[in-house]
Amino acid sequence: MLQDISAQPYSPARQLRPVVVTVIVAELAVFALLMTTINFQTPLPAPVEIAEVR
């Protein structure tokens, strides 16, 4: 008695599929944008390296 989603051309699952895909793509785009704006802290030189410079 289970019906396949493709058998019903106007089923709610089929109608929501583009919305779900759009939301996932938008989330990935926002994540990528946020990752490109992160400023990683430069590693601090070790105390030995500071002593060698002096």
N, C-alpha and C. Protein backbone atom coordinates (compact mmCIF):
# COMPACT_ATOMS: atom_id res chain seq x y z
N MET A 1 0.81 -1.21 0.00
CA MET A 1 0.00 0.00 0.00
C MET A 1 0.86 1.28 0.00
N LEU A 2 2.15 1.13 0.15
CA LEU A 2 3.00 2.32 0.10
C LEU A 2 3.11 2.80 -1.33
N GLN A 3 2.98 4.10 -1.50
CA GLN A 3 3.05 4.66 -2.84
C GLN A 3 4.39 5.36 -3.02
N ASP A 4 4.94 5.25 -4.20
CA ASP A 4 6.22 5.88 -4.52
C ASP A 4 5.99 7.38 -4.72
N ILE A 5 6.98 8.19 -4.31
CA ILE A 5 6.86 9.65 -4.45
C ILE A 5 6.78 10.04 -5.92
N SER A 6 7.51 9.32 -6.78
CA SER A 6 7.49 9.67 -8.20
C SER A 6 6.16 9.33 -8.87
N ALA A 7 5.35 8.47 -8.23
CA ALA A 7 4.07 8.11 -8.81
C ALA A 7 3.06 9.24 -8.68
N GLN A 8 3.26 10.12 -7.73
CA GLN A 8 2.33 11.25 -7.54
C GLN A 8 3.05 12.54 -7.96
N PRO A 9 2.66 13.09 -9.08
CA PRO A 9 3.40 14.26 -9.59
C PRO A 9 3.23 15.51 -8.73
N TYR A 10 2.17 15.61 -7.96
CA TYR A 10 1.94 16.82 -7.16
C TYR A 10 1.94 16.52 -5.67
N SER A 11 2.70 15.54 -5.25
CA SER A 11 2.74 15.19 -3.83
C SER A 11 3.49 16.29 -3.07
N PRO A 12 3.17 16.46 -1.79
CA PRO A 12 3.87 17.50 -0.99
C PRO A 12 5.37 17.27 -0.93
N ALA A 13 5.81 16.02 -0.91
CA ALA A 13 7.25 15.75 -0.85
C ALA A 13 7.94 16.23 -2.12
N ARG A 14 7.29 16.04 -3.25
CA ARG A 14 7.87 16.50 -4.52
C ARG A 14 7.85 18.02 -4.62
N GLN A 15 6.83 18.65 -4.08
CA GLN A 15 6.74 20.11 -4.15
C GLN A 15 7.76 20.77 -3.23
N LEU A 16 8.11 20.13 -2.12
CA LEU A 16 9.05 20.73 -1.19
C LEU A 16 10.50 20.45 -1.54
N ARG A 17 10.76 19.55 -2.44
CA ARG A 17 12.14 19.20 -2.78
C ARG A 17 12.95 20.41 -3.25
N PRO A 18 12.46 21.28 -4.15
CA PRO A 18 13.25 22.46 -4.55
C PRO A 18 13.50 23.41 -3.38
N VAL A 19 12.55 23.50 -2.46
CA VAL A 19 12.73 24.38 -1.30
C VAL A 19 13.84 23.84 -0.41
N VAL A 20 13.85 22.54 -0.19
CA VAL A 20 14.88 21.93 0.65
C VAL A 20 16.25 22.11 0.01
N VAL A 21 16.35 21.89 -1.28
CA VAL A 21 17.62 22.06 -1.98
C VAL A 21 18.09 23.51 -1.89
N THR A 22 17.18 24.45 -2.06
CA THR A 22 17.54 25.87 -1.98
C THR A 22 18.03 26.23 -0.59
N VAL A 23 17.39 25.74 0.44
CA VAL A 23 17.80 26.04 1.81
C VAL A 23 19.18 25.47 2.09
N ILE A 24 19.43 24.26 1.65
CA ILE A 24 20.74 23.64 1.88
C ILE A 24 21.84 24.40 1.14
N VAL A 25 21.58 24.79 -0.09
CA VAL A 25 22.56 25.55 -0.86
C VAL A 25 22.82 26.91 -0.20
N ALA A 26 21.77 27.56 0.29
CA ALA A 26 21.94 28.84 0.96
C ALA A 26 22.75 28.69 2.24
N GLU A 27 22.50 27.63 3.00
CA GLU A 27 23.28 27.40 4.22
C GLU A 27 24.75 27.17 3.90
N LEU A 28 25.03 26.42 2.85
CA LEU A 28 26.42 26.20 2.45
C LEU A 28 27.08 27.50 2.00
N ALA A 29 26.33 28.34 1.30
CA ALA A 29 26.89 29.62 0.84
C ALA A 29 27.20 30.52 2.02
N VAL A 30 26.31 30.58 3.00
CA VAL A 30 26.56 31.41 4.19
C VAL A 30 27.75 30.86 4.96
N PHE A 31 27.84 29.54 5.11
CA PHE A 31 28.97 28.93 5.80
C PHE A 31 30.27 29.26 5.10
N ALA A 32 30.30 29.17 3.77
CA ALA A 32 31.51 29.48 3.01
C ALA A 32 31.88 30.95 3.16
N LEU A 33 30.90 31.83 3.14
CA LEU A 33 31.17 33.26 3.32
C LEU A 33 31.75 33.54 4.70
N LEU A 34 31.17 32.92 5.72
CA LEU A 34 31.68 33.12 7.08
C LEU A 34 33.09 32.55 7.23
N MET A 35 33.36 31.44 6.61
CA MET A 35 34.70 30.85 6.71
C MET A 35 35.75 31.70 6.03
N THR A 36 35.37 32.43 4.99
CA THR A 36 36.36 33.28 4.30
C THR A 36 36.62 34.56 5.06
N THR A 37 35.75 34.93 5.98
CA THR A 37 35.95 36.18 6.72
C THR A 37 36.61 35.97 8.07
N ILE A 38 36.96 34.72 8.40
CA ILE A 38 37.62 34.46 9.68
C ILE A 38 39.08 34.89 9.57
N ASN A 39 39.54 35.65 10.55
CA ASN A 39 40.93 36.05 10.61
C ASN A 39 41.63 35.16 11.62
N PHE A 40 42.48 34.27 11.12
CA PHE A 40 43.22 33.41 12.01
C PHE A 40 44.38 34.19 12.61
N GLN A 41 44.60 33.98 13.90
CA GLN A 41 45.68 34.68 14.57
C GLN A 41 47.01 34.09 14.11
N THR A 42 47.96 34.99 13.81
CA THR A 42 49.28 34.52 13.40
C THR A 42 49.97 33.89 14.60
N PRO A 43 50.69 32.84 14.38
CA PRO A 43 51.36 32.19 15.51
C PRO A 43 52.42 33.11 16.11
N LEU A 44 52.45 33.15 17.41
CA LEU A 44 53.44 33.97 18.09
C LEU A 44 54.80 33.28 18.04
N PRO A 45 55.86 34.04 17.83
CA PRO A 45 57.18 33.41 17.79
C PRO A 45 57.54 32.85 19.17
N ALA A 46 58.27 31.78 19.16
CA ALA A 46 58.69 31.14 20.41
C ALA A 46 59.66 32.05 21.15
N PRO A 47 59.74 31.96 22.47
CA PRO A 47 60.68 32.81 23.24
C PRO A 47 62.13 32.63 22.79
N VAL A 48 62.49 31.46 22.34
CA VAL A 48 63.87 31.23 21.89
C VAL A 48 64.16 32.07 20.66
N GLU A 49 63.18 32.13 19.75
CA GLU A 49 63.37 32.92 18.53
C GLU A 49 63.47 34.41 18.87
N ILE A 50 62.71 34.86 19.85
CA ILE A 50 62.79 36.27 20.26
C ILE A 50 64.17 36.56 20.83
N ALA A 51 64.71 35.65 21.65
CA ALA A 51 66.03 35.85 22.23
C ALA A 51 67.11 35.88 21.15
N GLU A 52 66.97 35.10 20.11
CA GLU A 52 67.95 35.09 19.03
C GLU A 52 67.92 36.39 18.24
N VAL A 53 66.75 36.99 18.11
CA VAL A 53 66.65 38.25 17.36
C VAL A 53 67.33 39.37 18.14
N ARG A 54 67.21 39.36 19.46
CA ARG A 54 67.84 40.40 20.27
C ARG A 54 69.32 40.20 20.26
